[in-house]
């Protein structure tokens, strides 16, 4: 998956969030674009594994993910 620098800047403005079904204080969030597309190639191996795990556990451990604006740090 390749992105231009402008789409990467846009991607940094959003995150896809997987909220735990059992612990409202627990979630996994990953940088994405406004449509929820993540750049797997830009992720570390650990982040990529966590993302793929969260996707596989939708409905079991995590709720359906949603896209939201990232909070500035």
PDB file of N, CA and C in Angstrom:
ATOM      1  N   UNK A   1       0.843  -1.154   0.000  1.00  0.00           N
ATOM      2  CA  UNK A   1       0.000   0.000   0.000  1.00  0.00           C
ATOM      3  C   UNK A   1       0.894   1.224   0.000  1.00  0.00           C
ATOM      4  N   UNK A   2       0.820   2.056  -1.004  1.00  0.00           N
ATOM      5  CA  UNK A   2       1.643   3.259  -1.000  1.00  0.00           C
ATOM      6  C   UNK A   2       0.745   4.480  -0.957  1.00  0.00           C
ATOM      7  N   UNK A   3       1.213   5.476  -0.255  1.00  0.00           N
ATOM      8  CA  UNK A   3       0.464   6.713  -0.098  1.00  0.00           C
ATOM      9  C   UNK A   3       1.374   7.873  -0.442  1.00  0.00           C
ATOM     10  N   UNK A   4       0.816   8.930  -1.010  1.00  0.00           N
ATOM     11  CA  UNK A   4       1.600  10.139  -1.222  1.00  0.00           C
ATOM     12  C   UNK A   4       1.785  10.841   0.113  1.00  0.00           C
ATOM     13  N   UNK A   5       2.710  11.794   0.156  1.00  0.00           N
ATOM     14  CA  UNK A   5       2.964  12.480   1.424  1.00  0.00           C
ATOM     15  C   UNK A   5       1.743  13.245   1.903  1.00  0.00           C
ATOM     16  N   UNK A   6       0.939  13.791   0.985  1.00  0.00           N
ATOM     17  CA  UNK A   6      -0.253  14.522   1.420  1.00  0.00           C
ATOM     18  C   UNK A   6      -1.290  13.583   2.021  1.00  0.00           C
ATOM     19  N   UNK A   7      -1.427  12.371   1.465  1.00  0.00           N
ATOM     20  CA  UNK A   7      -2.387  11.437   2.053  1.00  0.00           C
ATOM     21  C   UNK A   7      -1.874  10.895   3.377  1.00  0.00           C
ATOM     22  N   UNK A   8      -0.545  10.815   3.546  1.00  0.00           N
ATOM     23  CA  UNK A   8       0.004  10.387   4.831  1.00  0.00           C
ATOM     24  C   UNK A   8      -0.274  11.441   5.894  1.00  0.00           C
ATOM     25  N   UNK A   9      -0.203  12.728   5.524  1.00  0.00           N
ATOM     26  CA  UNK A   9      -0.532  13.779   6.477  1.00  0.00           C
ATOM     27  C   UNK A   9      -2.004  13.693   6.852  1.00  0.00           C
ATOM     28  N   UNK A  10      -2.858  13.426   5.877  1.00  0.00           N
ATOM     29  CA  UNK A  10      -4.278  13.253   6.154  1.00  0.00           C
ATOM     30  C   UNK A  10      -4.491  12.025   7.027  1.00  0.00           C
ATOM     31  N   UNK A  11      -3.755  10.952   6.732  1.00  0.00           N
ATOM     32  CA  UNK A  11      -3.894   9.721   7.503  1.00  0.00           C
ATOM     33  C   UNK A  11      -3.579   9.952   8.965  1.00  0.00           C
ATOM     34  N   UNK A  12      -2.592  10.784   9.242  1.00  0.00           N
ATOM     35  CA  UNK A  12      -2.201  11.039  10.625  1.00  0.00           C
ATOM     36  C   UNK A  12      -3.294  11.766  11.400  1.00  0.00           C
ATOM     37  N   UNK A  13      -4.242  12.349  10.705  1.00  0.00           N
ATOM     38  CA  UNK A  13      -5.311  13.094  11.363  1.00  0.00           C
ATOM     39  C   UNK A  13      -6.429  12.180  11.867  1.00  0.00           C
ATOM     40  N   UNK A  14      -6.417  10.906  11.478  1.00  0.00           N
ATOM     41  CA  UNK A  14      -7.479   9.970  11.853  1.00  0.00           C
ATOM     42  C   UNK A  14      -6.895   8.705  12.462  1.00  0.00           C
ATOM     43  N   UNK A  15      -7.750   7.998  13.197  1.00  0.00           N
ATOM     44  CA  UNK A  15      -7.372   6.689  13.718  1.00  0.00           C
ATOM     45  C   UNK A  15      -8.572   5.769  13.645  1.00  0.00           C
ATOM     46  N   UNK A  16      -8.291   4.487  13.449  1.00  0.00           N
ATOM     47  CA  UNK A  16      -9.335   3.471  13.518  1.00  0.00           C
ATOM     48  C   UNK A  16      -9.217   2.849  14.903  1.00  0.00           C
ATOM     49  N   UNK A  17     -10.343   2.796  15.592  1.00  0.00           N
ATOM     50  CA  UNK A  17     -10.340   2.400  17.006  1.00  0.00           C
ATOM     51  C   UNK A  17     -11.178   1.143  17.205  1.00  0.00           C
ATOM     52  N   UNK A  18     -10.566   0.156  17.857  1.00  0.00           N
ATOM     53  CA  UNK A  18     -11.225  -1.098  18.207  1.00  0.00           C
ATOM     54  C   UNK A  18     -11.451  -1.074  19.715  1.00  0.00           C
ATOM     55  N   UNK A  19     -12.683  -0.851  20.141  1.00  0.00           N
ATOM     56  CA  UNK A  19     -13.027  -0.760  21.563  1.00  0.00           C
ATOM     57  C   UNK A  19     -13.311  -2.161  22.113  1.00  0.00           C
ATOM     58  N   UNK A  20     -12.768  -2.456  23.292  1.00  0.00           N
ATOM     59  CA  UNK A  20     -13.013  -3.741  23.937  1.00  0.00           C
ATOM     60  C   UNK A  20     -14.498  -3.895  24.256  1.00  0.00           C
ATOM     61  N   UNK A  21     -15.018  -5.087  24.064  1.00  0.00           N
ATOM     62  CA  UNK A  21     -16.413  -5.366  24.420  1.00  0.00           C
ATOM     63  C   UNK A  21     -16.587  -5.553  25.922  1.00  0.00           C
ATOM     64  N   UNK A  22     -15.499  -5.853  26.624  1.00  0.00           N
ATOM     65  CA  UNK A  22     -15.598  -6.216  28.031  1.00  0.00           C
ATOM     66  C   UNK A  22     -14.999  -5.195  28.980  1.00  0.00           C
ATOM     67  N   UNK A  23     -14.169  -4.310  28.480  1.00  0.00           N
ATOM     68  CA  UNK A  23     -13.521  -3.308  29.320  1.00  0.00           C
ATOM     69  C   UNK A  23     -13.531  -1.988  28.564  1.00  0.00           C
ATOM     70  N   UNK A  24     -14.446  -1.098  28.924  1.00  0.00           N
ATOM     71  CA  UNK A  24     -14.603   0.153  28.186  1.00  0.00           C
ATOM     72  C   UNK A  24     -13.354   1.025  28.210  1.00  0.00           C
ATOM     73  N   UNK A  25     -12.459   0.809  29.146  1.00  0.00           N
ATOM     74  CA  UNK A  25     -11.225   1.570  29.202  1.00  0.00           C
ATOM     75  C   UNK A  25     -10.130   1.011  28.316  1.00  0.00           C
ATOM     76  N   UNK A  26     -10.400  -0.085  27.644  1.00  0.00           N
ATOM     77  CA  UNK A  26      -9.385  -0.747  26.820  1.00  0.00           C
ATOM     78  C   UNK A  26      -9.768  -0.663  25.349  1.00  0.00           C
ATOM     79  N   UNK A  27      -8.813  -0.274  24.536  1.00  0.00           N
ATOM     80  CA  UNK A  27      -9.036  -0.198  23.091  1.00  0.00           C
ATOM     81  C   UNK A  27      -7.692  -0.248  22.384  1.00  0.00           C
ATOM     82  N   UNK A  28      -7.727  -0.599  21.120  1.00  0.00           N
ATOM     83  CA  UNK A  28      -6.554  -0.512  20.256  1.00  0.00           C
ATOM     84  C   UNK A  28      -6.879   0.502  19.168  1.00  0.00           C
ATOM     85  N   UNK A  29      -5.948   1.400  18.884  1.00  0.00           N
ATOM     86  CA  UNK A  29      -6.158   2.434  17.872  1.00  0.00           C
ATOM     87  C   UNK A  29      -4.935   2.505  16.966  1.00  0.00           C
ATOM     88  N   UNK A  30      -5.186   2.730  15.678  1.00  0.00           N
ATOM     89  CA  UNK A  30      -4.128   2.740  14.680  1.00  0.00           C
ATOM     90  C   UNK A  30      -4.339   3.903  13.726  1.00  0.00           C
ATOM     91  N   UNK A  31      -3.266   4.564  13.278  1.00  0.00           N
ATOM     92  CA  UNK A  31      -3.394   5.657  12.307  1.00  0.00           C
ATOM     93  C   UNK A  31      -4.037   5.150  11.021  1.00  0.00           C
ATOM     94  N   UNK A  32      -4.905   5.968  10.448  1.00  0.00           N
ATOM     95  CA  UNK A  32      -5.575   5.598   9.204  1.00  0.00           C
ATOM     96  C   UNK A  32      -5.967   6.863   8.453  1.00  0.00           C
ATOM     97  N   UNK A  33      -6.546   6.676   7.267  1.00  0.00           N
ATOM     98  CA  UNK A  33      -7.083   7.827   6.549  1.00  0.00           C
ATOM     99  C   UNK A  33      -8.550   7.994   6.931  1.00  0.00           C
ATOM    100  N   UNK A  34      -9.212   8.942   6.323  1.00  0.00           N
ATOM    101  CA  UNK A  34     -10.594   9.249   6.708  1.00  0.00           C
ATOM    102  C   UNK A  34     -11.568   8.121   6.401  1.00  0.00           C
ATOM    103  N   UNK A  35     -11.163   7.158   5.569  1.00  0.00           N
ATOM    104  CA  UNK A  35     -12.036   6.023   5.247  1.00  0.00           C
ATOM    105  C   UNK A  35     -11.710   4.778   6.060  1.00  0.00           C
ATOM    106  N   UNK A  36     -10.695   4.868   6.938  1.00  0.00           N
ATOM    107  CA  UNK A  36     -10.334   3.732   7.774  1.00  0.00           C
ATOM    108  C   UNK A  36      -9.240   2.850   7.205  1.00  0.00           C
ATOM    109  N   UNK A  37      -8.648   3.247   6.089  1.00  0.00           N
ATOM    110  CA  UNK A  37      -7.555   2.473   5.487  1.00  0.00           C
ATOM    111  C   UNK A  37      -6.266   2.734   6.255  1.00  0.00           C
ATOM    112  N   UNK A  38      -5.600   1.658   6.654  1.00  0.00           N
ATOM    113  CA  UNK A  38      -4.314   1.773   7.342  1.00  0.00           C
ATOM    114  C   UNK A  38      -3.193   1.416   6.371  1.00  0.00           C
ATOM    115  N   UNK A  39      -2.008   1.911   6.632  1.00  0.00           N
ATOM    116  CA  UNK A  39      -0.837   1.594   5.822  1.00  0.00           C
ATOM    117  C   UNK A  39      -0.062   0.506   6.559  1.00  0.00           C
ATOM    118  N   UNK A  40      -0.333  -0.743   6.226  1.00  0.00           N
ATOM    119  CA  UNK A  40       0.313  -1.868   6.901  1.00  0.00           C
ATOM    120  C   UNK A  40       1.828  -1.835   6.746  1.00  0.00           C
ATOM    121  N   UNK A  41       2.302  -1.365   5.603  1.00  0.00           N
ATOM    122  CA  UNK A  41       3.744  -1.320   5.359  1.00  0.00           C
ATOM    123  C   UNK A  41       4.457  -0.341   6.282  1.00  0.00           C
ATOM    124  N   UNK A  42       3.758   0.676   6.751  1.00  0.00           N
ATOM    125  CA  UNK A  42       4.370   1.686   7.620  1.00  0.00           C
ATOM    126  C   UNK A  42       4.335   1.280   9.091  1.00  0.00           C
ATOM    127  N   UNK A  43       3.597   0.226   9.422  1.00  0.00           N
ATOM    128  CA  UNK A  43       3.470  -0.209  10.817  1.00  0.00           C
ATOM    129  C   UNK A  43       4.652  -1.069  11.238  1.00  0.00           C
ATOM    130  N   UNK A  44       4.978  -1.002  12.518  1.00  0.00           N
ATOM    131  CA  UNK A  44       5.961  -1.939  13.062  1.00  0.00           C
ATOM    132  C   UNK A  44       5.331  -3.335  13.044  1.00  0.00           C
ATOM    133  N   UNK A  45       6.152  -4.341  13.190  1.00  0.00           N
ATOM    134  CA  UNK A  45       5.628  -5.709  13.201  1.00  0.00           C
ATOM    135  C   UNK A  45       4.637  -5.901  14.349  1.00  0.00           C
ATOM    136  N   UNK A  46       4.951  -5.347  15.502  1.00  0.00           N
ATOM    137  CA  UNK A  46       4.068  -5.481  16.663  1.00  0.00           C
ATOM    138  C   UNK A  46       2.726  -4.795  16.414  1.00  0.00           C
ATOM    139  N   UNK A  47       2.762  -3.569  15.874  1.00  0.00           N
ATOM    140  CA  UNK A  47       1.518  -2.846  15.585  1.00  0.00           C
ATOM    141  C   UNK A  47       0.697  -3.593  14.542  1.00  0.00           C
ATOM    142  N   UNK A  48       1.363  -4.098  13.505  1.00  0.00           N
ATOM    143  CA  UNK A  48       0.657  -4.849  12.464  1.00  0.00           C
ATOM    144  C   UNK A  48       0.000  -6.095  13.050  1.00  0.00           C
ATOM    145  N   UNK A  49       0.716  -6.822  13.908  1.00  0.00           N
ATOM    146  CA  UNK A  49       0.140  -8.007  14.546  1.00  0.00           C
ATOM    147  C   UNK A  49      -1.048  -7.638  15.423  1.00  0.00           C
ATOM    148  N   UNK A  50      -0.947  -6.547  16.172  1.00  0.00           N
ATOM    149  CA  UNK A  50      -2.063  -6.101  17.010  1.00  0.00           C
ATOM    150  C   UNK A  50      -3.265  -5.705  16.162  1.00  0.00           C
ATOM    151  N   UNK A  51      -3.017  -5.017  15.051  1.00  0.00           N
ATOM    152  CA  UNK A  51      -4.094  -4.611  14.151  1.00  0.00           C
ATOM    153  C   UNK A  51      -4.803  -5.838  13.579  1.00  0.00           C
ATOM    154  N   UNK A  52      -4.031  -6.787  13.081  1.00  0.00           N
ATOM    155  CA  UNK A  52      -4.629  -7.995  12.502  1.00  0.00           C
ATOM    156  C   UNK A  52      -5.362  -8.818  13.559  1.00  0.00           C
ATOM    157  N   UNK A  53      -4.832  -8.858  14.779  1.00  0.00           N
ATOM    158  CA  UNK A  53      -5.503  -9.551  15.877  1.00  0.00           C
ATOM    159  C   UNK A  53      -6.846  -8.884  16.179  1.00  0.00           C
ATOM    160  N   UNK A  54      -6.833  -7.556  16.297  1.00  0.00           N
ATOM    161  CA  UNK A  54      -8.073  -6.828  16.598  1.00  0.00           C
ATOM    162  C   UNK A  54      -9.117  -7.069  15.512  1.00  0.00           C
ATOM    163  N   UNK A  55      -8.700  -7.030  14.259  1.00  0.00           N
ATOM    164  CA  UNK A  55      -9.641  -7.290  13.159  1.00  0.00           C
ATOM    165  C   UNK A  55     -10.236  -8.689  13.264  1.00  0.00           C
ATOM    166  N   UNK A  56      -9.403  -9.658  13.613  1.00  0.00           N
ATOM    167  CA  UNK A  56      -9.874 -11.038  13.726  1.00  0.00           C
ATOM    168  C   UNK A  56     -10.769 -11.285  14.927  1.00  0.00           C
ATOM    169  N   UNK A  57     -10.701 -10.412  15.910  1.00  0.00           N
ATOM    170  CA  UNK A  57     -11.469 -10.591  17.146  1.00  0.00           C
ATOM    171  C   UNK A  57     -12.705  -9.693  17.227  1.00  0.00           C
ATOM    172  N   UNK A  58     -13.083  -9.062  16.109  1.00  0.00           N
ATOM    173  CA  UNK A  58     -14.301  -8.249  16.087  1.00  0.00           C
ATOM    174  C   UNK A  58     -15.488  -9.151  16.396  1.00  0.00           C
ATOM    175  N   UNK A  59     -16.285  -8.743  17.357  1.00  0.00           N
ATOM    176  CA  UNK A  59     -17.447  -9.520  17.766  1.00  0.00           C
ATOM    177  C   UNK A  59     -17.155 -10.510  18.878  1.00  0.00           C
ATOM    178  N   UNK A  60     -15.883 -10.767  19.136  1.00  0.00           N
ATOM    179  CA  UNK A  60     -15.497 -11.683  20.212  1.00  0.00           C
ATOM    180  C   UNK A  60     -14.864 -10.922  21.368  1.00  0.00           C
ATOM    181  N   UNK A  61     -13.892 -10.096  21.034  1.00  0.00           N
ATOM    182  CA  UNK A  61     -13.171  -9.307  22.038  1.00  0.00           C
ATOM    183  C   UNK A  61     -13.353  -7.805  21.811  1.00  0.00           C
ATOM    184  N   UNK A  62     -13.492  -7.420  20.530  1.00  0.00           N
ATOM    185  CA  UNK A  62     -13.584  -6.000  20.170  1.00  0.00           C
ATOM    186  C   UNK A  62     -14.868  -5.714  19.404  1.00  0.00           C
ATOM    187  N   UNK A  63     -15.384  -4.511  19.613  1.00  0.00           N
ATOM    188  CA  UNK A  63     -16.562  -4.047  18.877  1.00  0.00           C
ATOM    189  C   UNK A  63     -16.155  -3.687  17.449  1.00  0.00           C
ATOM    190  N   UNK A  64     -17.140  -3.495  16.589  1.00  0.00           N
ATOM    191  CA  UNK A  64     -16.870  -3.032  15.235  1.00  0.00           C
ATOM    192  C   UNK A  64     -16.075  -1.735  15.316  1.00  0.00           C
ATOM    193  N   UNK A  65     -14.973  -1.641  14.597  1.00  0.00           N
ATOM    194  CA  UNK A  65     -14.133  -0.445  14.709  1.00  0.00           C
ATOM    195  C   UNK A  65     -14.801   0.784  14.105  1.00  0.00           C
ATOM    196  N   UNK A  66     -14.351   1.940  14.551  1.00  0.00           N
ATOM    197  CA  UNK A  66     -14.838   3.196  14.000  1.00  0.00           C
ATOM    198  C   UNK A  66     -13.662   4.136  13.787  1.00  0.00           C
ATOM    199  N   UNK A  67     -13.841   5.055  12.852  1.00  0.00           N
ATOM    200  CA  UNK A  67     -12.811   6.042  12.533  1.00  0.00           C
ATOM    201  C   UNK A  67     -13.148   7.325  13.265  1.00  0.00           C
ATOM    202  N   UNK A  68     -12.128   7.922  13.854  1.00  0.00           N
ATOM    203  CA  UNK A  68     -12.318   9.201  14.539  1.00  0.00           C
ATOM    204  C   UNK A  68     -11.092  10.069  14.310  1.00  0.00           C
ATOM    205  N   UNK A  69     -11.270  11.359  14.505  1.00  0.00           N
ATOM    206  CA  UNK A  69     -10.136  12.276  14.413  1.00  0.00           C
ATOM    207  C   UNK A  69      -9.190  11.981  15.566  1.00  0.00           C
ATOM    208  N   UNK A  70      -7.899  11.995  15.282  1.00  0.00           N
ATOM    209  CA  UNK A  70      -6.899  11.772  16.336  1.00  0.00           C
ATOM    210  C   UNK A  70      -6.782  13.024  17.175  1.00  0.00           C
ATOM    211  N   UNK A  71      -6.598  12.818  18.456  1.00  0.00           N
ATOM    212  CA  UNK A  71      -6.380  13.945  19.353  1.00  0.00           C
ATOM    213  C   UNK A  71      -4.944  14.412  19.196  1.00  0.00           C
ATOM    214  N   UNK A  72      -4.728  15.730  19.121  1.00  0.00           N
ATOM    215  CA  UNK A  72      -3.345  16.220  19.006  1.00  0.00           C
ATOM    216  C   UNK A  72      -2.553  15.895  20.260  1.00  0.00           C
ATOM    217  N   UNK A  73      -1.281  15.587  20.067  1.00  0.00           N
ATOM    218  CA  UNK A  73      -0.417  15.242  21.206  1.00  0.00           C
ATOM    219  C   UNK A  73       0.467  16.389  21.555  1.00  0.00           C
TER     220      UNK A  73
END
